[in-house]
Amino acid sequence: MDFAYEADRVILQVLDETQADKLLAFCQENAEIFMNYEQDYPDNYFTKEYQALMLKGYMQQFLEEKAVRYFVFLKENPNVIIGCAGLSDIHLLSDKSAKLFYKQDRAYCGQGYMNEAISCLLWHAADEMKLHRIEADILPGNERSVAVVKRLGFEYEGIAKSSHIVNGVWRDHERYALIL
């Protein structure tokens, strides 16, 4: 996978630790929403230093082809992160599969940006990585997320019992999958 891609209105880009200030701003702006869907944050999460460490880790995973995390920018404003989309648990040798993850700045929801970004990501994953199957696990009640994956052709497969920790509690997630 390349370090950056362009779609009609968005840019997907892998960031390095020198861009931690952009990631910190994105995280701070959306903390109230994201914490409803993610693990507990460590005390130093909202620091530039912590975000730089996270970006360094994301880059290492990218280089090892274990996971890819693209930050989404509008072409008209390429300095502000509006979301991220990526693939984790990438299996290139065995079952050619991965798990999709994404999140978006609340100010940009409902405008099709994430749909466009994920479409671009999935096209390149199929073309370059030759992936066959993509799964998305979504917390029940997250209707916007369900709408995104359904628009992209994902199909509901069932409930993944106690599959992710959210706010310190193991939670069930709805599993959707797409065969590329």
N, C-alpha and C. Protein backbone atom coordinates (compact mmCIF):
# COMPACT_ATOMS: atom_id res chain seq x y z
N MET A 1 0.86 -1.17 0.00
CA MET A 1 0.00 0.00 0.00
C MET A 1 0.91 1.23 0.00
N ASP A 2 0.42 2.28 -0.63
CA ASP A 2 1.16 3.53 -0.67
C ASP A 2 0.90 4.35 0.59
N PHE A 3 1.72 5.39 0.76
CA PHE A 3 1.58 6.26 1.93
C PHE A 3 0.41 7.23 1.80
N ALA A 4 -0.08 7.44 0.58
CA ALA A 4 -1.20 8.38 0.39
C ALA A 4 -1.99 8.00 -0.86
N TYR A 5 -3.28 8.30 -0.81
CA TYR A 5 -4.19 8.11 -1.95
C TYR A 5 -5.11 9.32 -2.02
N GLU A 6 -5.62 9.56 -3.21
CA GLU A 6 -6.61 10.62 -3.39
C GLU A 6 -7.88 10.03 -3.97
N ALA A 7 -9.01 10.50 -3.49
CA ALA A 7 -10.31 10.19 -4.06
C ALA A 7 -10.87 11.51 -4.58
N ASP A 8 -12.14 11.56 -4.89
CA ASP A 8 -12.71 12.79 -5.46
C ASP A 8 -12.57 14.00 -4.55
N ARG A 9 -12.96 13.85 -3.28
CA ARG A 9 -12.96 14.99 -2.37
C ARG A 9 -12.00 14.86 -1.21
N VAL A 10 -11.43 13.66 -1.01
CA VAL A 10 -10.60 13.42 0.17
C VAL A 10 -9.22 12.89 -0.19
N ILE A 11 -8.33 13.07 0.77
CA ILE A 11 -6.97 12.51 0.71
C ILE A 11 -6.84 11.56 1.88
N LEU A 12 -6.29 10.38 1.63
CA LEU A 12 -5.96 9.42 2.68
C LEU A 12 -4.45 9.41 2.80
N GLN A 13 -3.96 9.58 4.02
CA GLN A 13 -2.51 9.72 4.20
C GLN A 13 -2.05 9.05 5.49
N VAL A 14 -0.95 8.32 5.38
CA VAL A 14 -0.27 7.78 6.56
C VAL A 14 0.54 8.93 7.15
N LEU A 15 0.44 9.13 8.46
CA LEU A 15 1.17 10.21 9.12
C LEU A 15 2.35 9.66 9.92
N ASP A 16 3.39 10.48 10.06
CA ASP A 16 4.48 10.11 10.95
C ASP A 16 4.41 10.96 12.21
N GLU A 17 5.31 10.68 13.14
CA GLU A 17 5.22 11.33 14.47
C GLU A 17 5.40 12.84 14.43
N THR A 18 5.93 13.39 13.33
CA THR A 18 6.09 14.85 13.25
C THR A 18 4.74 15.55 13.10
N GLN A 19 3.69 14.79 12.84
CA GLN A 19 2.36 15.39 12.64
C GLN A 19 1.42 15.11 13.81
N ALA A 20 2.01 14.89 14.97
CA ALA A 20 1.24 14.57 16.17
C ALA A 20 0.29 15.69 16.57
N ASP A 21 0.64 16.92 16.27
CA ASP A 21 -0.25 18.03 16.63
C ASP A 21 -1.58 17.94 15.90
N LYS A 22 -1.58 17.47 14.66
CA LYS A 22 -2.82 17.30 13.89
C LYS A 22 -3.69 16.22 14.52
N LEU A 23 -3.05 15.11 14.88
CA LEU A 23 -3.79 14.01 15.49
C LEU A 23 -4.33 14.42 16.86
N LEU A 24 -3.55 15.12 17.64
CA LEU A 24 -4.00 15.57 18.96
C LEU A 24 -5.24 16.46 18.82
N ALA A 25 -5.22 17.38 17.89
CA ALA A 25 -6.38 18.27 17.68
C ALA A 25 -7.62 17.47 17.31
N PHE A 26 -7.46 16.49 16.44
CA PHE A 26 -8.57 15.62 16.02
C PHE A 26 -9.13 14.86 17.23
N CYS A 27 -8.25 14.28 18.04
CA CYS A 27 -8.67 13.51 19.21
C CYS A 27 -9.36 14.39 20.25
N GLN A 28 -8.81 15.56 20.50
CA GLN A 28 -9.41 16.46 21.49
C GLN A 28 -10.78 16.95 21.04
N GLU A 29 -10.90 17.28 19.77
CA GLU A 29 -12.17 17.79 19.24
C GLU A 29 -13.30 16.77 19.35
N ASN A 30 -12.95 15.49 19.29
CA ASN A 30 -13.96 14.44 19.22
C ASN A 30 -13.96 13.49 20.41
N ALA A 31 -13.25 13.84 21.46
CA ALA A 31 -13.10 12.95 22.61
C ALA A 31 -14.44 12.50 23.18
N GLU A 32 -15.38 13.40 23.31
CA GLU A 32 -16.66 13.08 23.92
C GLU A 32 -17.40 11.98 23.16
N ILE A 33 -17.28 11.98 21.84
CA ILE A 33 -17.94 10.96 21.03
C ILE A 33 -17.12 9.68 20.98
N PHE A 34 -15.83 9.80 20.68
CA PHE A 34 -14.99 8.62 20.49
C PHE A 34 -14.93 7.74 21.73
N MET A 35 -14.98 8.35 22.92
CA MET A 35 -14.84 7.54 24.12
C MET A 35 -16.04 6.64 24.36
N ASN A 36 -17.12 6.85 23.63
CA ASN A 36 -18.28 5.95 23.71
C ASN A 36 -18.07 4.66 22.92
N TYR A 37 -17.03 4.63 22.10
CA TYR A 37 -16.81 3.50 21.21
C TYR A 37 -15.43 2.87 21.34
N GLU A 38 -14.58 3.40 22.21
CA GLU A 38 -13.19 2.95 22.28
C GLU A 38 -12.81 2.52 23.69
N GLN A 39 -11.62 1.94 23.80
CA GLN A 39 -11.09 1.56 25.11
C GLN A 39 -10.83 2.81 25.94
N ASP A 40 -10.66 2.61 27.24
CA ASP A 40 -10.30 3.73 28.12
C ASP A 40 -8.99 4.35 27.67
N TYR A 41 -8.88 5.65 27.80
CA TYR A 41 -7.67 6.36 27.43
C TYR A 41 -6.71 6.45 28.61
N PRO A 42 -5.41 6.28 28.37
CA PRO A 42 -4.45 6.50 29.46
C PRO A 42 -4.43 7.98 29.83
N ASP A 43 -3.90 8.29 31.01
CA ASP A 43 -3.89 9.67 31.50
C ASP A 43 -3.19 10.64 30.55
N ASN A 44 -2.17 10.18 29.84
CA ASN A 44 -1.41 11.08 28.97
C ASN A 44 -1.88 11.04 27.51
N TYR A 45 -3.05 10.46 27.27
CA TYR A 45 -3.56 10.31 25.90
C TYR A 45 -3.64 11.65 25.16
N PHE A 46 -4.12 12.66 25.83
CA PHE A 46 -4.31 13.96 25.18
C PHE A 46 -3.07 14.83 25.29
N THR A 47 -1.93 14.26 24.94
CA THR A 47 -0.67 15.01 24.86
C THR A 47 -0.04 14.77 23.50
N LYS A 48 0.71 15.74 23.06
CA LYS A 48 1.40 15.61 21.77
C LYS A 48 2.39 14.44 21.81
N GLU A 49 3.03 14.24 22.95
CA GLU A 49 4.02 13.18 23.09
C GLU A 49 3.37 11.80 22.92
N TYR A 50 2.22 11.62 23.54
CA TYR A 50 1.53 10.33 23.42
C TYR A 50 1.08 10.09 21.98
N GLN A 51 0.52 11.11 21.36
CA GLN A 51 0.07 10.96 19.98
C GLN A 51 1.24 10.69 19.03
N ALA A 52 2.39 11.28 19.31
CA ALA A 52 3.58 11.01 18.50
C ALA A 52 3.99 9.54 18.62
N LEU A 53 3.91 9.00 19.84
CA LEU A 53 4.21 7.58 20.04
C LEU A 53 3.21 6.69 19.29
N MET A 54 1.96 7.09 19.31
CA MET A 54 0.94 6.33 18.58
C MET A 54 1.24 6.34 17.08
N LEU A 55 1.59 7.50 16.55
CA LEU A 55 1.89 7.60 15.12
C LEU A 55 3.12 6.77 14.75
N LYS A 56 4.09 6.75 15.63
CA LYS A 56 5.28 5.93 15.39
C LYS A 56 4.90 4.45 15.33
N GLY A 57 4.03 4.03 16.23
CA GLY A 57 3.55 2.65 16.23
C GLY A 57 2.74 2.32 14.99
N TYR A 58 1.87 3.26 14.58
CA TYR A 58 1.09 3.04 13.36
C TYR A 58 2.01 2.89 12.16
N MET A 59 3.06 3.68 12.11
CA MET A 59 4.01 3.60 10.99
C MET A 59 4.70 2.25 10.98
N GLN A 60 5.10 1.77 12.14
CA GLN A 60 5.77 0.47 12.21
C GLN A 60 4.83 -0.64 11.72
N GLN A 61 3.58 -0.60 12.15
CA GLN A 61 2.61 -1.59 11.69
C GLN A 61 2.42 -1.52 10.18
N PHE A 62 2.39 -0.29 9.65
CA PHE A 62 2.24 -0.08 8.21
C PHE A 62 3.42 -0.71 7.46
N LEU A 63 4.62 -0.43 7.92
CA LEU A 63 5.82 -0.94 7.26
C LEU A 63 5.90 -2.47 7.31
N GLU A 64 5.37 -3.05 8.39
CA GLU A 64 5.37 -4.51 8.55
C GLU A 64 4.14 -5.17 7.91
N GLU A 65 3.25 -4.36 7.34
CA GLU A 65 2.01 -4.82 6.71
C GLU A 65 1.10 -5.58 7.67
N LYS A 66 1.13 -5.17 8.93
CA LYS A 66 0.25 -5.76 9.94
C LYS A 66 -1.07 -4.98 10.03
N ALA A 67 -0.98 -3.68 9.78
CA ALA A 67 -2.15 -2.80 9.81
C ALA A 67 -1.83 -1.55 9.01
N VAL A 68 -2.87 -0.93 8.48
CA VAL A 68 -2.71 0.36 7.80
C VAL A 68 -3.72 1.33 8.38
N ARG A 69 -3.27 2.52 8.71
CA ARG A 69 -4.14 3.55 9.26
C ARG A 69 -3.93 4.81 8.44
N TYR A 70 -4.97 5.18 7.71
CA TYR A 70 -4.92 6.40 6.91
C TYR A 70 -5.74 7.48 7.59
N PHE A 71 -5.18 8.66 7.64
CA PHE A 71 -5.91 9.80 8.15
C PHE A 71 -6.54 10.50 6.96
N VAL A 72 -7.76 10.95 7.15
CA VAL A 72 -8.56 11.49 6.06
C VAL A 72 -8.57 13.02 6.16
N PHE A 73 -8.29 13.65 5.04
CA PHE A 73 -8.28 15.11 4.92
C PHE A 73 -9.16 15.50 3.74
N LEU A 74 -9.77 16.65 3.81
CA LEU A 74 -10.45 17.20 2.64
C LEU A 74 -9.40 17.77 1.70
N LYS A 75 -9.60 17.59 0.41
CA LYS A 75 -8.67 18.18 -0.55
C LYS A 75 -8.62 19.69 -0.40
N GLU A 76 -9.76 20.28 -0.06
CA GLU A 76 -9.83 21.74 0.08
C GLU A 76 -9.19 22.24 1.37
N ASN A 77 -8.90 21.34 2.31
CA ASN A 77 -8.28 21.71 3.57
C ASN A 77 -7.37 20.57 4.04
N PRO A 78 -6.21 20.40 3.40
CA PRO A 78 -5.36 19.24 3.68
C PRO A 78 -4.54 19.31 4.96
N ASN A 79 -4.84 20.24 5.83
CA ASN A 79 -4.10 20.36 7.09
C ASN A 79 -4.90 19.95 8.31
N VAL A 80 -6.18 19.60 8.11
CA VAL A 80 -7.05 19.25 9.23
C VAL A 80 -7.58 17.84 9.03
N ILE A 81 -7.33 16.97 10.00
CA ILE A 81 -7.83 15.60 9.95
C ILE A 81 -9.34 15.63 10.17
N ILE A 82 -10.07 14.96 9.27
CA ILE A 82 -11.53 14.85 9.45
C ILE A 82 -11.94 13.42 9.80
N GLY A 83 -10.99 12.50 9.78
CA GLY A 83 -11.30 11.12 10.12
C GLY A 83 -10.10 10.23 9.92
N CYS A 84 -10.29 8.97 10.19
CA CYS A 84 -9.27 7.97 9.86
C CYS A 84 -9.99 6.69 9.46
N ALA A 85 -9.33 5.93 8.62
CA ALA A 85 -9.86 4.65 8.17
C ALA A 85 -8.68 3.73 7.94
N GLY A 86 -8.86 2.49 8.29
CA GLY A 86 -7.75 1.57 8.11
C GLY A 86 -8.16 0.12 8.21
N LEU A 87 -7.14 -0.72 8.13
CA LEU A 87 -7.31 -2.15 8.22
C LEU A 87 -6.36 -2.69 9.28
N SER A 88 -6.86 -3.56 10.13
CA SER A 88 -6.02 -4.21 11.14
C SER A 88 -6.13 -5.72 10.96
N ASP A 89 -5.34 -6.44 11.73
CA ASP A 89 -5.35 -7.91 11.66
C ASP A 89 -5.24 -8.39 10.21
N ILE A 90 -4.33 -7.79 9.47
CA ILE A 90 -4.17 -8.13 8.06
C ILE A 90 -3.49 -9.50 7.94
N HIS A 91 -4.11 -10.37 7.17
CA HIS A 91 -3.57 -11.71 6.89
C HIS A 91 -3.33 -11.80 5.39
N LEU A 92 -2.09 -11.62 4.99
CA LEU A 92 -1.75 -11.63 3.57
C LEU A 92 -1.48 -13.03 3.03
N LEU A 93 -1.02 -13.92 3.88
CA LEU A 93 -0.61 -15.24 3.40
C LEU A 93 -1.72 -16.29 3.48
N SER A 94 -2.46 -16.28 4.56
CA SER A 94 -3.43 -17.35 4.77
C SER A 94 -4.79 -17.04 4.14
N ASP A 95 -5.64 -16.36 4.87
CA ASP A 95 -7.01 -16.18 4.38
C ASP A 95 -7.26 -14.85 3.68
N LYS A 96 -6.21 -14.06 3.47
CA LYS A 96 -6.34 -12.81 2.70
C LYS A 96 -7.48 -11.94 3.25
N SER A 97 -7.43 -11.66 4.54
CA SER A 97 -8.51 -10.93 5.19
C SER A 97 -7.95 -9.82 6.08
N ALA A 98 -8.86 -8.95 6.52
CA ALA A 98 -8.51 -7.87 7.44
C ALA A 98 -9.77 -7.36 8.11
N LYS A 99 -9.57 -6.53 9.14
CA LYS A 99 -10.69 -5.89 9.83
C LYS A 99 -10.65 -4.39 9.53
N LEU A 100 -11.79 -3.87 9.14
CA LEU A 100 -11.94 -2.45 8.85
C LEU A 100 -12.23 -1.69 10.13
N PHE A 101 -11.60 -0.52 10.27
CA PHE A 101 -11.96 0.40 11.36
C PHE A 101 -11.98 1.80 10.80
N TYR A 102 -12.75 2.66 11.43
CA TYR A 102 -12.85 4.04 10.97
C TYR A 102 -13.52 4.89 12.04
N LYS A 103 -13.25 6.17 11.98
CA LYS A 103 -13.95 7.14 12.82
C LYS A 103 -13.85 8.49 12.13
N GLN A 104 -14.79 9.35 12.44
CA GLN A 104 -14.87 10.62 11.73
C GLN A 104 -15.21 11.76 12.69
N ASP A 105 -14.64 12.91 12.38
CA ASP A 105 -14.97 14.14 13.11
C ASP A 105 -16.47 14.40 12.96
N ARG A 106 -17.13 14.64 14.07
CA ARG A 106 -18.59 14.82 14.04
C ARG A 106 -19.04 15.95 13.13
N ALA A 107 -18.20 16.94 12.93
CA ALA A 107 -18.57 18.07 12.09
C ALA A 107 -18.69 17.69 10.61
N TYR A 108 -18.15 16.53 10.25
CA TYR A 108 -18.14 16.12 8.84
C TYR A 108 -19.00 14.89 8.57
N CYS A 109 -19.76 14.45 9.57
CA CYS A 109 -20.62 13.29 9.40
C CYS A 109 -21.78 13.60 8.46
N GLY A 110 -22.24 12.57 7.78
CA GLY A 110 -23.42 12.69 6.94
C GLY A 110 -23.19 13.36 5.60
N GLN A 111 -21.93 13.55 5.22
CA GLN A 111 -21.64 14.22 3.95
C GLN A 111 -20.96 13.29 2.94
N GLY A 112 -20.82 12.01 3.28
CA GLY A 112 -20.28 11.02 2.38
C GLY A 112 -18.76 10.93 2.33
N TYR A 113 -18.08 11.70 3.18
CA TYR A 113 -16.61 11.68 3.15
C TYR A 113 -16.04 10.33 3.58
N MET A 114 -16.60 9.75 4.63
CA MET A 114 -16.07 8.47 5.11
C MET A 114 -16.37 7.37 4.11
N ASN A 115 -17.53 7.40 3.51
CA ASN A 115 -17.87 6.42 2.48
C ASN A 115 -16.85 6.49 1.33
N GLU A 116 -16.52 7.69 0.92
CA GLU A 116 -15.54 7.89 -0.14
C GLU A 116 -14.15 7.40 0.27
N ALA A 117 -13.75 7.71 1.49
CA ALA A 117 -12.43 7.30 1.98
C ALA A 117 -12.34 5.78 2.07
N ILE A 118 -13.36 5.14 2.64
CA ILE A 118 -13.33 3.68 2.78
C ILE A 118 -13.39 3.00 1.42
N SER A 119 -14.17 3.53 0.51
CA SER A 119 -14.22 2.97 -0.85
C SER A 119 -12.84 2.97 -1.48
N CYS A 120 -12.13 4.07 -1.34
CA CYS A 120 -10.77 4.19 -1.87
C CYS A 120 -9.85 3.17 -1.19
N LEU A 121 -9.92 3.09 0.12
CA LEU A 121 -9.10 2.15 0.88
C LEU A 121 -9.35 0.71 0.44
N LEU A 122 -10.61 0.33 0.33
CA LEU A 122 -10.95 -1.04 -0.03
C LEU A 122 -10.52 -1.37 -1.46
N TRP A 123 -10.63 -0.43 -2.37
CA TRP A 123 -10.19 -0.67 -3.74
C TRP A 123 -8.70 -0.99 -3.76
N HIS A 124 -7.92 -0.18 -3.06
CA HIS A 124 -6.47 -0.42 -3.03
C HIS A 124 -6.12 -1.69 -2.27
N ALA A 125 -6.87 -2.02 -1.23
CA ALA A 125 -6.62 -3.26 -0.48
C ALA A 125 -6.85 -4.48 -1.38
N ALA A 126 -7.89 -4.43 -2.19
CA ALA A 126 -8.16 -5.54 -3.12
C ALA A 126 -7.13 -5.58 -4.23
N ASP A 127 -6.81 -4.43 -4.79
CA ASP A 127 -5.91 -4.36 -5.94
C ASP A 127 -4.45 -4.63 -5.56
N GLU A 128 -3.98 -4.03 -4.48
CA GLU A 128 -2.56 -4.11 -4.13
C GLU A 128 -2.23 -5.23 -3.15
N MET A 129 -3.10 -5.43 -2.17
CA MET A 129 -2.83 -6.46 -1.17
C MET A 129 -3.50 -7.78 -1.52
N LYS A 130 -4.38 -7.75 -2.49
CA LYS A 130 -5.12 -8.95 -2.93
C LYS A 130 -5.96 -9.54 -1.80
N LEU A 131 -6.50 -8.66 -0.96
CA LEU A 131 -7.35 -9.14 0.12
C LEU A 131 -8.66 -9.67 -0.45
N HIS A 132 -9.22 -10.64 0.23
CA HIS A 132 -10.44 -11.31 -0.22
C HIS A 132 -11.65 -10.95 0.65
N ARG A 133 -11.42 -10.82 1.95
CA ARG A 133 -12.53 -10.61 2.90
C ARG A 133 -12.18 -9.50 3.88
N ILE A 134 -13.13 -8.61 4.09
CA ILE A 134 -12.98 -7.52 5.07
C ILE A 134 -14.14 -7.62 6.05
N GLU A 135 -13.81 -7.57 7.34
CA GLU A 135 -14.84 -7.58 8.38
C GLU A 135 -14.88 -6.22 9.07
N ALA A 136 -16.06 -5.86 9.53
CA ALA A 136 -16.24 -4.65 10.33
C ALA A 136 -17.09 -5.01 11.54
N ASP A 137 -16.59 -4.73 12.73
CA ASP A 137 -17.33 -4.96 13.97
C ASP A 137 -17.86 -3.63 14.47
N ILE A 138 -19.17 -3.56 14.69
CA ILE A 138 -19.81 -2.29 15.04
C ILE A 138 -20.62 -2.46 16.32
N LEU A 139 -20.43 -1.52 17.24
CA LEU A 139 -21.18 -1.54 18.50
C LEU A 139 -22.67 -1.38 18.21
N PRO A 140 -23.51 -2.26 18.74
CA PRO A 140 -24.95 -2.12 18.52
C PRO A 140 -25.44 -0.72 18.88
N GLY A 141 -26.28 -0.18 18.03
CA GLY A 141 -26.81 1.16 18.23
C GLY A 141 -26.08 2.24 17.46
N ASN A 142 -24.94 1.90 16.88
CA ASN A 142 -24.18 2.88 16.10
C ASN A 142 -24.71 2.86 14.66
N GLU A 143 -25.87 3.45 14.48
CA GLU A 143 -26.59 3.39 13.20
C GLU A 143 -25.83 4.07 12.06
N ARG A 144 -25.11 5.14 12.36
CA ARG A 144 -24.35 5.81 11.29
C ARG A 144 -23.27 4.88 10.73
N SER A 145 -22.61 4.16 11.61
CA SER A 145 -21.57 3.22 11.18
C SER A 145 -22.18 2.08 10.37
N VAL A 146 -23.30 1.58 10.81
CA VAL A 146 -23.99 0.52 10.08
C VAL A 146 -24.35 1.02 8.68
N ALA A 147 -24.84 2.23 8.58
CA ALA A 147 -25.22 2.79 7.27
C ALA A 147 -24.01 2.88 6.35
N VAL A 148 -22.85 3.25 6.90
CA VAL A 148 -21.63 3.35 6.08
C VAL A 148 -21.30 2.00 5.47
N VAL A 149 -21.22 0.95 6.29
CA VAL A 149 -20.81 -0.35 5.75
C VAL A 149 -21.86 -0.94 4.82
N LYS A 150 -23.13 -0.72 5.11
CA LYS A 150 -24.18 -1.22 4.22
C LYS A 150 -24.10 -0.55 2.85
N ARG A 151 -23.84 0.76 2.82
CA ARG A 151 -23.69 1.46 1.53
C ARG A 151 -22.53 0.90 0.73
N LEU A 152 -21.52 0.38 1.42
CA LEU A 152 -20.34 -0.16 0.76
C LEU A 152 -20.51 -1.63 0.36
N GLY A 153 -21.66 -2.22 0.70
CA GLY A 153 -21.93 -3.60 0.30
C GLY A 153 -21.65 -4.65 1.35
N PHE A 154 -21.29 -4.25 2.56
CA PHE A 154 -21.07 -5.22 3.63
C PHE A 154 -22.41 -5.86 4.00
N GLU A 155 -22.34 -7.12 4.42
CA GLU A 155 -23.53 -7.85 4.83
C GLU A 155 -23.41 -8.23 6.30
N TYR A 156 -24.54 -8.16 6.99
CA TYR A 156 -24.60 -8.53 8.41
C TYR A 156 -24.39 -10.03 8.55
N GLU A 157 -23.51 -10.43 9.47
CA GLU A 157 -23.24 -11.85 9.70
C GLU A 157 -23.69 -12.34 11.07
N GLY A 158 -23.83 -11.43 12.02
CA GLY A 158 -24.26 -11.86 13.34
C GLY A 158 -23.57 -11.07 14.44
N ILE A 159 -23.65 -11.58 15.64
CA ILE A 159 -23.09 -10.91 16.81
C ILE A 159 -21.78 -11.57 17.21
N ALA A 160 -20.75 -10.77 17.37
CA ALA A 160 -19.47 -11.23 17.92
C ALA A 160 -19.56 -10.99 19.43
N LYS A 161 -19.77 -12.03 20.17
CA LYS A 161 -20.00 -11.93 21.62
C LYS A 161 -18.75 -11.46 22.34
N SER A 162 -18.93 -10.47 23.22
CA SER A 162 -17.88 -9.99 24.11
C SER A 162 -16.54 -9.83 23.38
N SER A 163 -16.58 -9.10 22.25
CA SER A 163 -15.43 -9.06 21.34
C SER A 163 -14.51 -7.85 21.50
N HIS A 164 -14.99 -6.77 22.10
CA HIS A 164 -14.17 -5.56 22.23
C HIS A 164 -14.43 -4.90 23.58
N ILE A 165 -13.38 -4.33 24.13
CA ILE A 165 -13.53 -3.57 25.38
C ILE A 165 -13.89 -2.12 25.03
N VAL A 166 -14.99 -1.65 25.61
CA VAL A 166 -15.41 -0.26 25.44
C VAL A 166 -15.66 0.29 26.84
N ASN A 167 -14.97 1.36 27.18
CA ASN A 167 -15.10 1.94 28.52
C ASN A 167 -14.91 0.91 29.62
N GLY A 168 -13.94 0.03 29.42
CA GLY A 168 -13.59 -0.95 30.44
C GLY A 168 -14.50 -2.15 30.54
N VAL A 169 -15.46 -2.28 29.62
CA VAL A 169 -16.43 -3.37 29.66
C VAL A 169 -16.37 -4.14 28.34
N TRP A 170 -16.34 -5.48 28.43
CA TRP A 170 -16.40 -6.30 27.22
C TRP A 170 -17.80 -6.18 26.63
N ARG A 171 -17.86 -5.80 25.35
CA ARG A 171 -19.15 -5.56 24.69
C ARG A 171 -19.30 -6.43 23.45
N ASP A 172 -20.53 -6.84 23.17
CA ASP A 172 -20.85 -7.51 21.92
C ASP A 172 -20.77 -6.49 20.78
N HIS A 173 -20.47 -6.97 19.60
CA HIS A 173 -20.46 -6.13 18.40
C HIS A 173 -21.16 -6.85 17.26
N GLU A 174 -21.81 -6.08 16.42
CA GLU A 174 -22.40 -6.64 15.21
C GLU A 174 -21.30 -6.82 14.19
N ARG A 175 -21.24 -7.99 13.57
CA ARG A 175 -20.21 -8.27 12.58
C ARG A 175 -20.80 -8.17 11.18
N TYR A 176 -20.11 -7.37 10.36
CA TYR A 176 -20.46 -7.22 8.95
C TYR A 176 -19.24 -7.66 8.15
N ALA A 177 -19.46 -8.17 6.94
CA ALA A 177 -18.34 -8.61 6.11
C ALA A 177 -18.62 -8.28 4.65
N LEU A 178 -17.52 -8.11 3.94
CA LEU A 178 -17.54 -7.83 2.51
C LEU A 178 -16.53 -8.74 1.83
N ILE A 179 -16.99 -9.42 0.79
CA ILE A 179 -16.08 -10.21 -0.04
C ILE A 179 -15.69 -9.31 -1.20
N LEU A 180 -14.38 -9.09 -1.34
CA LEU A 180 -13.90 -8.16 -2.37
C LEU A 180 -13.83 -8.85 -3.73
